Amino acid sequence: MGAGMIVPMVRFAVDPVLQPKSQADWVKVVEEAQVTEVPKSFKFKVHQVDGWYESDPELEAWIAKGKDGKVFALNPTCKHLGCTVNWNGSPEHKDEYYCPCHGAHYTADGKNLAVAPLPLDEYEVKIEQGFVYLGQLGPNKRV
């Protein structure tokens, strides 16, 4: 009898954990006309549902056009210890992403040059009706 009462309560409590994670929706970030070969930082919000908690955290991406003319977007989280990188953040590392915490630096494509063990992560990008949309974050495919 007690088990008959407990099982539904346990199922209710762990149900969000058992639900499959859905892929993130595409988020409109910026007009494509504002994107150049020089990386620029753009902030955007993503709606998240974690169990019973919903939130809209503000995220950041460095968006630029590559040598091939295609738009790409990098996550600014350093792969060394998680600090935030900046474009041209150090006079010694011109035209590179630089992490002020421990001196990690990356190429414009996000390739790790020193200190960090991995390149910067890259967002999926699509262009629709003149706007840049960002999707899932994943490993950098450019390097």
N, C-alpha and C. Protein backbone atom coordinates (compact mmCIF):
# COMPACT_ATOMS: atom_id res chain seq x y z
N MET A 1 0.83 -1.19 0.00
CA MET A 1 0.00 0.00 0.00
C MET A 1 0.88 1.26 0.00
N GLY A 2 1.92 1.27 0.86
CA GLY A 2 2.82 2.42 0.93
C GLY A 2 3.55 2.65 -0.38
N ALA A 3 3.96 1.54 -1.03
CA ALA A 3 4.67 1.67 -2.30
C ALA A 3 3.76 2.26 -3.36
N GLY A 4 2.48 1.93 -3.31
CA GLY A 4 1.52 2.48 -4.27
C GLY A 4 1.39 3.99 -4.15
N MET A 5 1.64 4.52 -2.97
CA MET A 5 1.57 5.97 -2.78
C MET A 5 2.90 6.65 -3.11
N ILE A 6 3.99 5.94 -2.85
CA ILE A 6 5.30 6.55 -3.03
C ILE A 6 5.72 6.60 -4.50
N VAL A 7 5.44 5.56 -5.27
CA VAL A 7 5.87 5.50 -6.67
C VAL A 7 5.39 6.71 -7.47
N PRO A 8 4.11 7.10 -7.41
CA PRO A 8 3.70 8.29 -8.17
C PRO A 8 4.41 9.56 -7.71
N MET A 9 4.68 9.69 -6.42
CA MET A 9 5.37 10.88 -5.93
C MET A 9 6.82 10.92 -6.43
N VAL A 10 7.49 9.77 -6.44
CA VAL A 10 8.86 9.70 -6.93
C VAL A 10 8.88 10.02 -8.42
N ARG A 11 7.94 9.44 -9.15
CA ARG A 11 7.86 9.70 -10.59
C ARG A 11 7.68 11.20 -10.87
N PHE A 12 6.80 11.85 -10.10
CA PHE A 12 6.57 13.28 -10.26
C PHE A 12 7.85 14.07 -9.97
N ALA A 13 8.57 13.67 -8.94
CA ALA A 13 9.77 14.40 -8.53
C ALA A 13 10.90 14.29 -9.54
N VAL A 14 11.06 13.13 -10.18
CA VAL A 14 12.18 12.93 -11.10
C VAL A 14 11.77 13.08 -12.56
N ASP A 15 10.51 13.36 -12.84
CA ASP A 15 10.05 13.46 -14.23
C ASP A 15 10.88 14.42 -15.08
N PRO A 16 11.19 15.63 -14.60
CA PRO A 16 12.00 16.53 -15.43
C PRO A 16 13.37 15.96 -15.79
N VAL A 17 13.95 15.18 -14.90
CA VAL A 17 15.25 14.58 -15.16
C VAL A 17 15.14 13.52 -16.26
N LEU A 18 14.01 12.84 -16.33
CA LEU A 18 13.82 11.77 -17.30
C LEU A 18 13.43 12.28 -18.68
N GLN A 19 13.00 13.52 -18.79
CA GLN A 19 12.59 14.07 -20.08
C GLN A 19 13.81 14.27 -20.97
N PRO A 20 13.67 13.92 -22.26
CA PRO A 20 14.81 14.15 -23.16
C PRO A 20 15.04 15.65 -23.34
N LYS A 21 16.31 16.03 -23.43
CA LYS A 21 16.64 17.44 -23.64
C LYS A 21 16.34 17.78 -25.09
N SER A 22 15.65 18.89 -25.27
CA SER A 22 15.36 19.33 -26.63
C SER A 22 16.48 20.24 -27.11
N GLN A 23 16.67 20.27 -28.42
CA GLN A 23 17.69 21.14 -28.97
C GLN A 23 17.25 22.59 -28.81
N ALA A 24 18.20 23.45 -28.66
CA ALA A 24 17.89 24.87 -28.50
C ALA A 24 17.29 25.41 -29.79
N ASP A 25 16.37 26.34 -29.63
CA ASP A 25 15.80 27.01 -30.79
C ASP A 25 16.84 27.98 -31.35
N TRP A 26 16.65 28.34 -32.59
CA TRP A 26 17.49 29.36 -33.19
C TRP A 26 17.13 30.71 -32.61
N VAL A 27 18.12 31.54 -32.36
CA VAL A 27 17.92 32.85 -31.75
C VAL A 27 18.41 33.93 -32.72
N LYS A 28 17.54 34.89 -33.02
CA LYS A 28 17.92 36.02 -33.88
C LYS A 28 18.84 36.93 -33.07
N VAL A 29 20.04 37.22 -33.62
CA VAL A 29 21.02 37.98 -32.87
C VAL A 29 21.31 39.35 -33.47
N VAL A 30 21.54 39.41 -34.78
CA VAL A 30 22.00 40.67 -35.39
C VAL A 30 21.70 40.66 -36.89
N GLU A 31 21.61 41.87 -37.47
CA GLU A 31 21.50 41.97 -38.92
C GLU A 31 22.82 41.55 -39.55
N GLU A 32 22.74 40.80 -40.63
CA GLU A 32 23.96 40.33 -41.29
C GLU A 32 24.82 41.51 -41.76
N ALA A 33 24.20 42.62 -42.13
CA ALA A 33 24.94 43.80 -42.60
C ALA A 33 25.89 44.36 -41.54
N GLN A 34 25.63 44.09 -40.28
CA GLN A 34 26.50 44.59 -39.20
C GLN A 34 27.73 43.71 -38.96
N VAL A 35 27.77 42.56 -39.61
CA VAL A 35 28.87 41.61 -39.41
C VAL A 35 29.97 41.90 -40.42
N THR A 36 31.21 42.03 -39.92
CA THR A 36 32.36 42.30 -40.77
C THR A 36 33.43 41.23 -40.55
N GLU A 37 34.59 41.43 -41.17
CA GLU A 37 35.70 40.50 -40.97
C GLU A 37 36.32 40.66 -39.58
N VAL A 38 36.10 41.81 -38.96
CA VAL A 38 36.61 42.05 -37.61
C VAL A 38 35.56 41.56 -36.61
N PRO A 39 35.91 40.62 -35.73
CA PRO A 39 34.93 40.09 -34.77
C PRO A 39 34.33 41.17 -33.88
N LYS A 40 33.02 41.06 -33.67
CA LYS A 40 32.31 41.97 -32.76
C LYS A 40 31.52 41.12 -31.77
N SER A 41 31.40 41.65 -30.57
CA SER A 41 30.65 40.97 -29.53
C SER A 41 29.17 41.35 -29.61
N PHE A 42 28.31 40.33 -29.57
CA PHE A 42 26.86 40.54 -29.56
C PHE A 42 26.26 39.74 -28.42
N LYS A 43 25.35 40.36 -27.69
CA LYS A 43 24.66 39.69 -26.58
C LYS A 43 23.27 39.29 -27.05
N PHE A 44 22.78 38.16 -26.51
CA PHE A 44 21.45 37.66 -26.86
C PHE A 44 20.93 36.84 -25.70
N LYS A 45 19.61 36.64 -25.68
CA LYS A 45 18.99 35.85 -24.61
C LYS A 45 18.43 34.56 -25.18
N VAL A 46 18.50 33.51 -24.36
CA VAL A 46 17.99 32.19 -24.73
C VAL A 46 17.03 31.74 -23.65
N HIS A 47 15.87 31.25 -24.06
CA HIS A 47 14.91 30.74 -23.08
C HIS A 47 15.29 29.31 -22.72
N GLN A 48 15.42 29.03 -21.41
CA GLN A 48 15.80 27.70 -20.93
C GLN A 48 14.78 27.18 -19.94
N VAL A 49 14.54 25.88 -20.00
CA VAL A 49 13.70 25.21 -19.01
C VAL A 49 14.54 24.10 -18.40
N ASP A 50 14.76 24.18 -17.09
CA ASP A 50 15.53 23.17 -16.37
C ASP A 50 14.66 22.65 -15.25
N GLY A 51 14.06 21.49 -15.48
CA GLY A 51 13.11 20.96 -14.50
C GLY A 51 11.90 21.87 -14.44
N TRP A 52 11.67 22.45 -13.29
CA TRP A 52 10.54 23.37 -13.13
C TRP A 52 10.99 24.82 -13.21
N TYR A 53 12.27 25.05 -13.44
CA TYR A 53 12.81 26.41 -13.43
C TYR A 53 12.98 26.91 -14.86
N GLU A 54 12.37 28.05 -15.17
CA GLU A 54 12.54 28.68 -16.47
C GLU A 54 13.36 29.95 -16.30
N SER A 55 14.24 30.21 -17.27
CA SER A 55 15.06 31.42 -17.20
C SER A 55 15.40 31.89 -18.61
N ASP A 56 15.86 33.13 -18.69
CA ASP A 56 16.28 33.74 -19.95
C ASP A 56 17.66 34.36 -19.77
N PRO A 57 18.71 33.53 -19.66
CA PRO A 57 20.04 34.08 -19.43
C PRO A 57 20.56 34.84 -20.65
N GLU A 58 21.36 35.87 -20.37
CA GLU A 58 21.99 36.62 -21.45
C GLU A 58 23.32 35.95 -21.79
N LEU A 59 23.51 35.65 -23.06
CA LEU A 59 24.74 35.02 -23.54
C LEU A 59 25.45 35.99 -24.46
N GLU A 60 26.66 35.63 -24.84
CA GLU A 60 27.47 36.48 -25.70
C GLU A 60 28.11 35.62 -26.78
N ALA A 61 28.28 36.21 -27.96
CA ALA A 61 29.00 35.54 -29.05
C ALA A 61 29.84 36.58 -29.77
N TRP A 62 31.01 36.15 -30.22
CA TRP A 62 31.83 36.98 -31.09
C TRP A 62 31.53 36.53 -32.51
N ILE A 63 30.98 37.44 -33.32
CA ILE A 63 30.52 37.10 -34.66
C ILE A 63 31.36 37.85 -35.69
N ALA A 64 31.75 37.13 -36.75
CA ALA A 64 32.57 37.73 -37.81
C ALA A 64 32.34 36.96 -39.11
N LYS A 65 32.90 37.50 -40.19
CA LYS A 65 32.92 36.79 -41.47
C LYS A 65 34.32 36.23 -41.65
N GLY A 66 34.38 34.97 -42.08
CA GLY A 66 35.66 34.33 -42.32
C GLY A 66 36.24 34.76 -43.65
N LYS A 67 37.42 34.25 -43.97
CA LYS A 67 38.07 34.55 -45.24
C LYS A 67 37.23 34.10 -46.43
N ASP A 68 36.39 33.08 -46.19
CA ASP A 68 35.50 32.58 -47.23
C ASP A 68 34.22 33.41 -47.36
N GLY A 69 34.06 34.43 -46.52
CA GLY A 69 32.88 35.29 -46.57
C GLY A 69 31.70 34.79 -45.77
N LYS A 70 31.83 33.60 -45.19
CA LYS A 70 30.72 33.03 -44.41
C LYS A 70 30.77 33.53 -42.97
N VAL A 71 29.58 33.76 -42.41
CA VAL A 71 29.47 34.24 -41.03
C VAL A 71 29.70 33.07 -40.06
N PHE A 72 30.45 33.34 -39.00
CA PHE A 72 30.64 32.34 -37.94
C PHE A 72 30.57 33.04 -36.59
N ALA A 73 30.30 32.27 -35.55
CA ALA A 73 30.14 32.83 -34.20
C ALA A 73 30.86 31.95 -33.19
N LEU A 74 31.65 32.58 -32.33
CA LEU A 74 32.42 31.86 -31.31
C LEU A 74 31.93 32.22 -29.91
N ASN A 75 31.99 31.25 -29.03
CA ASN A 75 31.68 31.46 -27.62
C ASN A 75 32.91 32.08 -26.96
N PRO A 76 32.75 33.13 -26.15
CA PRO A 76 33.91 33.80 -25.56
C PRO A 76 34.47 33.16 -24.30
N THR A 77 34.04 31.96 -23.96
CA THR A 77 34.53 31.30 -22.75
C THR A 77 35.86 30.61 -23.02
N CYS A 78 36.90 31.06 -22.34
CA CYS A 78 38.24 30.49 -22.51
C CYS A 78 38.23 29.01 -22.13
N LYS A 79 38.91 28.20 -22.91
CA LYS A 79 38.96 26.76 -22.67
C LYS A 79 40.02 26.38 -21.64
N HIS A 80 40.71 27.36 -21.08
CA HIS A 80 41.68 27.08 -20.04
C HIS A 80 40.98 26.95 -18.69
N LEU A 81 40.42 28.07 -18.19
CA LEU A 81 39.74 28.03 -16.89
C LEU A 81 38.39 28.73 -16.90
N GLY A 82 37.86 29.05 -18.08
CA GLY A 82 36.50 29.57 -18.16
C GLY A 82 36.33 31.07 -18.05
N CYS A 83 37.40 31.83 -18.10
CA CYS A 83 37.26 33.29 -18.09
C CYS A 83 36.73 33.73 -19.46
N THR A 84 36.43 35.01 -19.61
CA THR A 84 35.89 35.53 -20.87
C THR A 84 37.00 36.17 -21.69
N VAL A 85 37.12 35.74 -22.95
CA VAL A 85 38.13 36.31 -23.84
C VAL A 85 37.58 37.57 -24.51
N ASN A 86 38.50 38.41 -24.96
CA ASN A 86 38.16 39.63 -25.69
C ASN A 86 38.99 39.71 -26.96
N TRP A 87 38.42 40.31 -27.99
CA TRP A 87 39.16 40.53 -29.24
C TRP A 87 40.10 41.71 -29.02
N ASN A 88 41.35 41.56 -29.40
CA ASN A 88 42.37 42.60 -29.22
C ASN A 88 42.45 43.06 -27.76
N GLY A 89 42.34 42.12 -26.85
CA GLY A 89 42.38 42.44 -25.42
C GLY A 89 43.77 42.69 -24.88
N SER A 90 44.79 42.46 -25.71
CA SER A 90 46.17 42.67 -25.27
C SER A 90 46.97 43.29 -26.41
N PRO A 91 47.74 44.35 -26.13
CA PRO A 91 48.54 44.95 -27.20
C PRO A 91 49.61 44.00 -27.75
N GLU A 92 50.01 43.02 -26.96
CA GLU A 92 51.01 42.06 -27.41
C GLU A 92 50.43 41.00 -28.35
N HIS A 93 49.12 40.86 -28.35
CA HIS A 93 48.47 39.83 -29.17
C HIS A 93 47.42 40.50 -30.06
N LYS A 94 47.92 41.29 -31.02
CA LYS A 94 47.06 42.04 -31.93
C LYS A 94 46.30 41.07 -32.84
N ASP A 95 45.04 41.39 -33.09
CA ASP A 95 44.16 40.60 -33.96
C ASP A 95 44.01 39.15 -33.47
N GLU A 96 43.91 39.01 -32.17
CA GLU A 96 43.68 37.71 -31.54
C GLU A 96 42.70 37.88 -30.39
N TYR A 97 42.05 36.77 -30.04
CA TYR A 97 41.26 36.75 -28.80
C TYR A 97 42.25 36.52 -27.68
N TYR A 98 42.06 37.25 -26.58
CA TYR A 98 43.00 37.17 -25.47
C TYR A 98 42.23 37.00 -24.16
N CYS A 99 42.70 36.09 -23.32
CA CYS A 99 42.10 35.87 -22.01
C CYS A 99 42.96 36.57 -20.95
N PRO A 100 42.38 37.53 -20.23
CA PRO A 100 43.17 38.28 -19.25
C PRO A 100 43.52 37.49 -17.99
N CYS A 101 42.87 36.36 -17.77
CA CYS A 101 43.11 35.60 -16.54
C CYS A 101 44.50 34.95 -16.50
N HIS A 102 44.86 34.25 -17.57
CA HIS A 102 46.14 33.53 -17.56
C HIS A 102 46.90 33.64 -18.87
N GLY A 103 46.49 34.57 -19.74
CA GLY A 103 47.25 34.82 -20.95
C GLY A 103 46.98 33.90 -22.12
N ALA A 104 45.91 33.13 -22.08
CA ALA A 104 45.58 32.29 -23.24
C ALA A 104 45.21 33.21 -24.41
N HIS A 105 45.57 32.79 -25.62
CA HIS A 105 45.15 33.56 -26.79
C HIS A 105 44.83 32.64 -27.95
N TYR A 106 43.98 33.17 -28.85
CA TYR A 106 43.39 32.39 -29.94
C TYR A 106 43.41 33.21 -31.22
N THR A 107 43.42 32.52 -32.37
CA THR A 107 43.32 33.20 -33.66
C THR A 107 41.90 33.72 -33.86
N ALA A 108 41.68 34.45 -34.94
CA ALA A 108 40.33 34.96 -35.27
C ALA A 108 39.34 33.82 -35.46
N ASP A 109 39.81 32.65 -35.88
CA ASP A 109 38.95 31.48 -36.06
C ASP A 109 38.73 30.71 -34.76
N GLY A 110 39.40 31.12 -33.69
CA GLY A 110 39.23 30.46 -32.39
C GLY A 110 40.25 29.39 -32.09
N LYS A 111 41.26 29.24 -32.96
CA LYS A 111 42.29 28.22 -32.72
C LYS A 111 43.15 28.63 -31.53
N ASN A 112 43.36 27.69 -30.61
CA ASN A 112 44.17 27.96 -29.42
C ASN A 112 45.65 28.05 -29.80
N LEU A 113 46.30 29.12 -29.32
CA LEU A 113 47.72 29.33 -29.61
C LEU A 113 48.61 29.10 -28.40
N ALA A 114 48.12 29.45 -27.22
CA ALA A 114 48.94 29.28 -26.01
C ALA A 114 48.04 29.12 -24.80
N VAL A 115 48.49 28.35 -23.85
CA VAL A 115 47.89 28.08 -22.54
C VAL A 115 46.64 27.20 -22.64
N ALA A 116 45.63 27.60 -23.39
CA ALA A 116 44.37 26.85 -23.46
C ALA A 116 44.57 25.53 -24.22
N PRO A 117 43.96 24.44 -23.74
CA PRO A 117 44.15 23.14 -24.37
C PRO A 117 43.28 22.91 -25.62
N LEU A 118 42.22 23.71 -25.80
CA LEU A 118 41.28 23.49 -26.90
C LEU A 118 40.90 24.82 -27.54
N PRO A 119 40.42 24.79 -28.80
CA PRO A 119 39.93 26.02 -29.43
C PRO A 119 38.61 26.47 -28.82
N LEU A 120 38.25 27.73 -29.08
CA LEU A 120 36.97 28.26 -28.62
C LEU A 120 35.82 27.50 -29.28
N ASP A 121 34.75 27.28 -28.54
CA ASP A 121 33.57 26.60 -29.10
C ASP A 121 32.87 27.51 -30.10
N GLU A 122 32.12 26.88 -31.00
CA GLU A 122 31.47 27.59 -32.10
C GLU A 122 29.96 27.34 -32.08
N TYR A 123 29.18 28.39 -32.33
CA TYR A 123 27.73 28.26 -32.45
C TYR A 123 27.38 27.85 -33.87
N GLU A 124 26.29 27.08 -34.02
CA GLU A 124 25.72 26.87 -35.34
C GLU A 124 25.17 28.21 -35.80
N VAL A 125 25.31 28.50 -37.09
CA VAL A 125 24.86 29.78 -37.64
C VAL A 125 23.99 29.53 -38.85
N LYS A 126 22.91 30.31 -38.96
CA LYS A 126 22.14 30.33 -40.20
C LYS A 126 21.74 31.77 -40.47
N ILE A 127 21.61 32.09 -41.76
CA ILE A 127 21.21 33.43 -42.19
C ILE A 127 19.83 33.31 -42.82
N GLU A 128 18.89 34.11 -42.31
CA GLU A 128 17.54 34.14 -42.88
C GLU A 128 17.05 35.56 -42.95
N GLN A 129 16.59 35.96 -44.12
CA GLN A 129 16.01 37.28 -44.34
C GLN A 129 16.91 38.40 -43.81
N GLY A 130 18.21 38.25 -44.02
CA GLY A 130 19.16 39.29 -43.65
C GLY A 130 19.56 39.33 -42.18
N PHE A 131 19.18 38.31 -41.42
CA PHE A 131 19.54 38.27 -40.00
C PHE A 131 20.37 37.03 -39.69
N VAL A 132 21.27 37.17 -38.72
CA VAL A 132 22.10 36.05 -38.24
C VAL A 132 21.37 35.41 -37.08
N TYR A 133 21.18 34.09 -37.18
CA TYR A 133 20.57 33.30 -36.11
C TYR A 133 21.62 32.35 -35.57
N LEU A 134 21.64 32.19 -34.24
CA LEU A 134 22.56 31.25 -33.61
C LEU A 134 21.79 30.08 -33.03
N GLY A 135 22.40 28.88 -33.14
CA GLY A 135 21.79 27.67 -32.61
C GLY A 135 22.66 27.03 -31.55
N GLN A 136 22.79 25.71 -31.66
CA GLN A 136 23.55 24.93 -30.68
C GLN A 136 25.02 25.33 -30.62
N LEU A 137 25.59 25.21 -29.45
CA LEU A 137 27.01 25.44 -29.24
C LEU A 137 27.71 24.09 -29.32
N GLY A 138 28.84 24.04 -30.03
CA GLY A 138 29.56 22.78 -30.16
C GLY A 138 31.04 23.03 -30.39
N PRO A 139 31.78 21.95 -30.63
CA PRO A 139 33.21 22.08 -30.89
C PRO A 139 33.46 22.92 -32.15
N ASN A 140 34.58 23.60 -32.17
CA ASN A 140 34.95 24.46 -33.28
C ASN A 140 35.31 23.62 -34.50
N LYS A 141 34.59 23.83 -35.60
CA LYS A 141 34.84 23.09 -36.84
C LYS A 141 35.73 23.87 -37.80
N ARG A 142 36.09 25.07 -37.44
CA ARG A 142 36.87 25.93 -38.33
C ARG A 142 38.37 25.64 -38.24
N VAL A 143 38.80 25.01 -37.14
CA VAL A 143 40.25 24.80 -36.95
C VAL A 143 40.57 23.33 -36.86
